[in-house]
C-alpha atoms as a PDB file:
ATOM      1  CA  UNK A   1     132.346 106.168 113.046  1.00  0.00           C
ATOM      2  CA  UNK A   2     129.324 106.561 110.752  1.00  0.00           C
ATOM      3  CA  UNK A   3     129.748 105.557 107.099  1.00  0.00           C
ATOM      4  CA  UNK A   4     127.074 107.927 105.762  1.00  0.00           C
ATOM      5  CA  UNK A   5     126.280 108.252 102.068  1.00  0.00           C
ATOM      6  CA  UNK A   6     125.258 111.925 102.371  1.00  0.00           C
ATOM      7  CA  UNK A   7     126.652 114.783 104.421  1.00  0.00           C
ATOM      8  CA  UNK A   8     125.371 118.101 105.762  1.00  0.00           C
ATOM      9  CA  UNK A   9     123.765 120.302 103.105  1.00  0.00           C
ATOM     10  CA  UNK A  10     123.504 117.672 100.389  1.00  0.00           C
ATOM     11  CA  UNK A  11     120.183 117.477  98.490  1.00  0.00           C
ATOM     12  CA  UNK A  12     118.311 114.153  98.619  1.00  0.00           C
ATOM     13  CA  UNK A  13     114.996 112.850  97.271  1.00  0.00           C
ATOM     14  CA  UNK A  14     112.545 110.830  99.348  1.00  0.00           C
ATOM     15  CA  UNK A  15     111.531 107.524  97.717  1.00  0.00           C
ATOM     16  CA  UNK A  16     108.738 106.565 100.160  1.00  0.00           C
ATOM     17  CA  UNK A  17     105.963 108.503 101.805  1.00  0.00           C
ATOM     18  CA  UNK A  18     106.788 109.374 105.401  1.00  0.00           C
ATOM     19  CA  UNK A  19     104.056 109.392 108.032  1.00  0.00           C
ATOM     20  CA  UNK A  20     104.216 110.386 111.667  1.00  0.00           C
ATOM     21  CA  UNK A  21     105.292 107.396 113.747  1.00  0.00           C
ATOM     22  CA  UNK A  22     104.316 109.303 116.875  1.00  0.00           C
ATOM     23  CA  UNK A  23     107.609 111.160 117.230  1.00  0.00           C
ATOM     24  CA  UNK A  24     106.670 114.249 115.206  1.00  0.00           C
ATOM     25  CA  UNK A  25     105.015 116.762 117.557  1.00  0.00           C
ATOM     26  CA  UNK A  26     101.666 118.377 116.851  1.00  0.00           C
ATOM     27  CA  UNK A  27     100.347 115.786 114.393  1.00  0.00           C
ATOM     28  CA  UNK A  28      98.430 112.561 114.896  1.00  0.00           C
ATOM     29  CA  UNK A  29     100.235 109.252 114.551  1.00  0.00           C
ATOM     30  CA  UNK A  30      99.881 108.129 110.942  1.00  0.00           C
ATOM     31  CA  UNK A  31      99.460 111.661 109.578  1.00  0.00           C
ATOM     32  CA  UNK A  32     101.367 112.245 106.335  1.00  0.00           C
ATOM     33  CA  UNK A  33     104.555 114.264 106.802  1.00  0.00           C
ATOM     34  CA  UNK A  34     106.342 114.270 103.438  1.00  0.00           C
ATOM     35  CA  UNK A  35     105.297 112.799 100.081  1.00  0.00           C
ATOM     36  CA  UNK A  36     107.707 110.643  98.135  1.00  0.00           C
ATOM     37  CA  UNK A  37     109.530 112.493  95.411  1.00  0.00           C
ATOM     38  CA  UNK A  38     110.091 115.520  97.655  1.00  0.00           C
ATOM     39  CA  UNK A  39     113.582 117.022  97.788  1.00  0.00           C
ATOM     40  CA  UNK A  40     115.197 118.047 101.049  1.00  0.00           C
ATOM     41  CA  UNK A  41     118.617 118.864 102.464  1.00  0.00           C
ATOM     42  CA  UNK A  42     120.564 116.823 105.013  1.00  0.00           C
ATOM     43  CA  UNK A  43     120.950 118.789 108.255  1.00  0.00           C
ATOM     44  CA  UNK A  44     122.271 116.004 110.520  1.00  0.00           C
ATOM     45  CA  UNK A  45     123.383 112.377 110.413  1.00  0.00           C
ATOM     46  CA  UNK A  46     123.015 109.967 113.308  1.00  0.00           C
ATOM     47  CA  UNK A  47     122.311 106.339 114.132  1.00  0.00           C
ATOM     48  CA  UNK A  48     119.435 104.332 115.568  1.00  0.00           C
ATOM     49  CA  UNK A  49     120.126 101.106 117.473  1.00  0.00           C
ATOM     50  CA  UNK A  50     123.818 101.558 116.617  1.00  0.00           C
ATOM     51  CA  UNK A  51     123.474 100.106 113.118  1.00  0.00           C
ATOM     52  CA  UNK A  52     120.896 102.153 111.213  1.00  0.00           C
ATOM     53  CA  UNK A  53     121.936 105.484 109.728  1.00  0.00           C
ATOM     54  CA  UNK A  54     119.277 108.165 110.151  1.00  0.00           C
ATOM     55  CA  UNK A  55     119.391 111.426 108.240  1.00  0.00           C
ATOM     56  CA  UNK A  56     117.612 114.519 109.511  1.00  0.00           C
ATOM     57  CA  UNK A  57     116.352 116.063 106.288  1.00  0.00           C
ATOM     58  CA  UNK A  58     114.920 119.552 105.970  1.00  0.00           C
ATOM     59  CA  UNK A  59     112.103 119.510 103.400  1.00  0.00           C
ATOM     60  CA  UNK A  60     111.811 123.229 102.727  1.00  0.00           C
ATOM     61  CA  UNK A  61     108.585 123.072 100.686  1.00  0.00           C
ATOM     62  CA  UNK A  62     106.832 121.172 103.495  1.00  0.00           C
ATOM     63  CA  UNK A  63     108.484 123.187 106.270  1.00  0.00           C
ATOM     64  CA  UNK A  64     109.477 120.008 108.101  1.00  0.00           C
ATOM     65  CA  UNK A  65     112.657 118.349 109.309  1.00  0.00           C
ATOM     66  CA  UNK A  66     112.114 114.590 109.241  1.00  0.00           C
ATOM     67  CA  UNK A  67     114.279 111.605 110.131  1.00  0.00           C
ATOM     68  CA  UNK A  68     114.829 109.303 107.139  1.00  0.00           C
ATOM     69  CA  UNK A  69     116.552 105.953 106.795  1.00  0.00           C
ATOM     70  CA  UNK A  70     119.205 105.645 104.105  1.00  0.00           C
ATOM     71  CA  UNK A  71     117.076 103.230 102.034  1.00  0.00           C
ATOM     72  CA  UNK A  72     114.326 105.880 101.844  1.00  0.00           C
ATOM     73  CA  UNK A  73     116.595 108.382 100.062  1.00  0.00           C
ATOM     74  CA  UNK A  74     118.357 108.803  96.731  1.00  0.00           C
ATOM     75  CA  UNK A  75     120.516 111.609  95.334  1.00  0.00           C
ATOM     76  CA  UNK A  76     118.310 114.551  94.349  1.00  0.00           C
ATOM     77  CA  UNK A  77     119.617 114.436  90.778  1.00  0.00           C
ATOM     78  CA  UNK A  78     118.989 110.703  90.252  1.00  0.00           C
ATOM     79  CA  UNK A  79     116.222 109.908  87.761  1.00  0.00           C
ATOM     80  CA  UNK A  80     112.767 110.016  89.318  1.00  0.00           C
ATOM     81  CA  UNK A  81     109.423 109.128  87.778  1.00  0.00           C
ATOM     82  CA  UNK A  82     106.460 110.572  89.674  1.00  0.00           C
ATOM     83  CA  UNK A  83     103.379 108.418  90.046  1.00  0.00           C
ATOM     84  CA  UNK A  84      99.733 109.369  90.284  1.00  0.00           C
ATOM     85  CA  UNK A  85      98.887 106.841  92.993  1.00  0.00           C
ATOM     86  CA  UNK A  86     100.563 105.637  96.183  1.00  0.00           C
ATOM     87  CA  UNK A  87     100.938 102.360  98.069  1.00  0.00           C
ATOM     88  CA  UNK A  88      97.666 101.381  99.827  1.00  0.00           C
ATOM     89  CA  UNK A  89      95.668 104.026  97.952  1.00  0.00           C
ATOM     90  CA  UNK A  90      92.213 103.024  96.717  1.00  0.00           C
ATOM     91  CA  UNK A  91      91.745 103.205  92.946  1.00  0.00           C
ATOM     92  CA  UNK A  92      88.987 102.437  90.447  1.00  0.00           C
ATOM     93  CA  UNK A  93      89.372 100.769  87.051  1.00  0.00           C
ATOM     94  CA  UNK A  94      88.830 103.326  84.285  1.00  0.00           C
ATOM     95  CA  UNK A  95      87.819 100.554  81.848  1.00  0.00           C
ATOM     96  CA  UNK A  96      87.135  96.850  81.798  1.00  0.00           C
ATOM     97  CA  UNK A  97      90.330  94.859  82.345  1.00  0.00           C
ATOM     98  CA  UNK A  98      90.844  91.514  80.652  1.00  0.00           C
ATOM     99  CA  UNK A  99      93.436  88.772  80.595  1.00  0.00           C
ATOM    100  CA  UNK A 100      93.482  86.447  77.587  1.00  0.00           C
ATOM    101  CA  UNK A 101      90.214  87.912  76.325  1.00  0.00           C
ATOM    102  CA  UNK A 102      88.344  87.258  79.593  1.00  0.00           C
ATOM    103  CA  UNK A 103      87.120  90.357  81.430  1.00  0.00           C
ATOM    104  CA  UNK A 104      88.288  89.951  85.028  1.00  0.00           C
ATOM    105  CA  UNK A 105      87.610  93.473  86.290  1.00  0.00           C
ATOM    106  CA  UNK A 106      84.629  95.567  85.205  1.00  0.00           C
ATOM    107  CA  UNK A 107      84.880  99.314  84.678  1.00  0.00           C
ATOM    108  CA  UNK A 108      84.515 101.098  88.028  1.00  0.00           C
ATOM    109  CA  UNK A 109      85.721  98.186  90.182  1.00  0.00           C
ATOM    110  CA  UNK A 110      87.605  99.298  93.290  1.00  0.00           C
ATOM    111  CA  UNK A 111      91.067  98.045  94.154  1.00  0.00           C
ATOM    112  CA  UNK A 112      94.079  98.878  96.299  1.00  0.00           C
ATOM    113  CA  UNK A 113      97.617  99.730  95.197  1.00  0.00           C
ATOM    114  CA  UNK A 114      99.983  97.076  96.502  1.00  0.00           C
ATOM    115  CA  UNK A 115     103.114  98.161  94.637  1.00  0.00           C
ATOM    116  CA  UNK A 116     104.226 101.041  92.400  1.00  0.00           C
ATOM    117  CA  UNK A 117     106.600 100.129  89.553  1.00  0.00           C
ATOM    118  CA  UNK A 118     108.242 103.209  88.063  1.00  0.00           C
ATOM    119  CA  UNK A 119     110.711 101.623  85.651  1.00  0.00           C
ATOM    120  CA  UNK A 120     108.314  99.503  83.595  1.00  0.00           C
ATOM    121  CA  UNK A 121     108.503  99.838  79.813  1.00  0.00           C
ATOM    122  CA  UNK A 122     105.887 102.371  78.753  1.00  0.00           C
ATOM    123  CA  UNK A 123     105.628 104.159  82.095  1.00  0.00           C
ATOM    124  CA  UNK A 124     104.368 103.666  85.618  1.00  0.00           C
ATOM    125  CA  UNK A 125     102.372 100.509  86.382  1.00  0.00           C
ATOM    126  CA  UNK A 126     100.839  99.237  89.595  1.00  0.00           C
ATOM    127  CA  UNK A 127     100.195  95.920  91.264  1.00  0.00           C
ATOM    128  CA  UNK A 128      96.522  96.206  92.188  1.00  0.00           C
ATOM    129  CA  UNK A 129      94.379  93.972  94.350  1.00  0.00           C
ATOM    130  CA  UNK A 130      90.784  94.393  93.204  1.00  0.00           C
ATOM    131  CA  UNK A 131      88.016  93.563  95.681  1.00  0.00           C
ATOM    132  CA  UNK A 132      86.338  91.442  92.963  1.00  0.00           C
ATOM    133  CA  UNK A 133      89.470  89.228  92.579  1.00  0.00           C
ATOM    134  CA  UNK A 134      90.279  88.026  96.060  1.00  0.00           C
ATOM    135  CA  UNK A 135      93.827  86.753  96.382  1.00  0.00           C
ATOM    136  CA  UNK A 136      94.910  87.844  92.895  1.00  0.00           C
ATOM    137  CA  UNK A 137      97.097  90.783  91.853  1.00  0.00           C
ATOM    138  CA  UNK A 138      97.033  92.423  88.447  1.00  0.00           C
ATOM    139  CA  UNK A 139      99.671  94.691  86.930  1.00  0.00           C
ATOM    140  CA  UNK A 140      97.791  97.722  85.617  1.00  0.00           C
ATOM    141  CA  UNK A 141      99.087 100.763  83.683  1.00  0.00           C
ATOM    142  CA  UNK A 142      98.482 104.164  85.239  1.00  0.00           C
ATOM    143  CA  UNK A 143      96.127 105.334  82.483  1.00  0.00           C
ATOM    144  CA  UNK A 144      93.728 102.457  83.222  1.00  0.00           C
ATOM    145  CA  UNK A 145      93.089 103.710  86.782  1.00  0.00           C
ATOM    146  CA  UNK A 146      91.122 106.538  88.371  1.00  0.00           C
ATOM    147  CA  UNK A 147      91.227 107.824  91.935  1.00  0.00           C
ATOM    148  CA  UNK A 148      88.623 106.837  94.495  1.00  0.00           C
ATOM    149  CA  UNK A 149      87.708 110.030  96.290  1.00  0.00           C
ATOM    150  CA  UNK A 150      88.159 109.913 100.066  1.00  0.00           C
ATOM    151  CA  UNK A 151      84.490 110.673 100.707  1.00  0.00           C
ATOM    152  CA  UNK A 152      83.440 107.803  98.384  1.00  0.00           C
ATOM    153  CA  UNK A 153      85.726 105.416 100.278  1.00  0.00           C
ATOM    154  CA  UNK A 154      84.452 106.691 103.656  1.00  0.00           C
ATOM    155  CA  UNK A 155      80.825 106.177 102.528  1.00  0.00           C
ATOM    156  CA  UNK A 156      81.642 102.634 101.405  1.00  0.00           C
ATOM    157  CA  UNK A 157      83.181 101.868 104.785  1.00  0.00           C
ATOM    158  CA  UNK A 158      80.140 103.207 106.654  1.00  0.00           C
ATOM    159  CA  UNK A 159      77.752 101.141 104.489  1.00  0.00           C
ATOM    160  CA  UNK A 160      79.584  97.855 104.942  1.00  0.00           C
END
């Protein structure tokens, strides 16, 4: 017997981005399927390896039914704070960043999102690893970051 938290027809919200693990037909492995924060409806409940509950969730806006683990979902009406950036996304500092008066990251420095923290006082903050600070993470507020456009990142990869 499955001890599922949600049942058929119940609305749920996705808390993590879901990418194709190779089981979704017609898309490359690693292709994004559903963005976190999206709301869908449970259409089936099953198990994987006899101990993991898997929910088939119909995300109507995306037109996709995707398998989700219980820890990837919350009730659709639970509080949710959207974020501008995602895990592993490249970002750029919008201003110089200092700790104790010492500028550690110059304006325009590129970094990578390691963690998104939605419940921080004052709004969303991120743990960022900047390329100029190897081995060190900084907690940065959302308004101190800018996106790195995909074509900029691709050019940087080709040049290095």
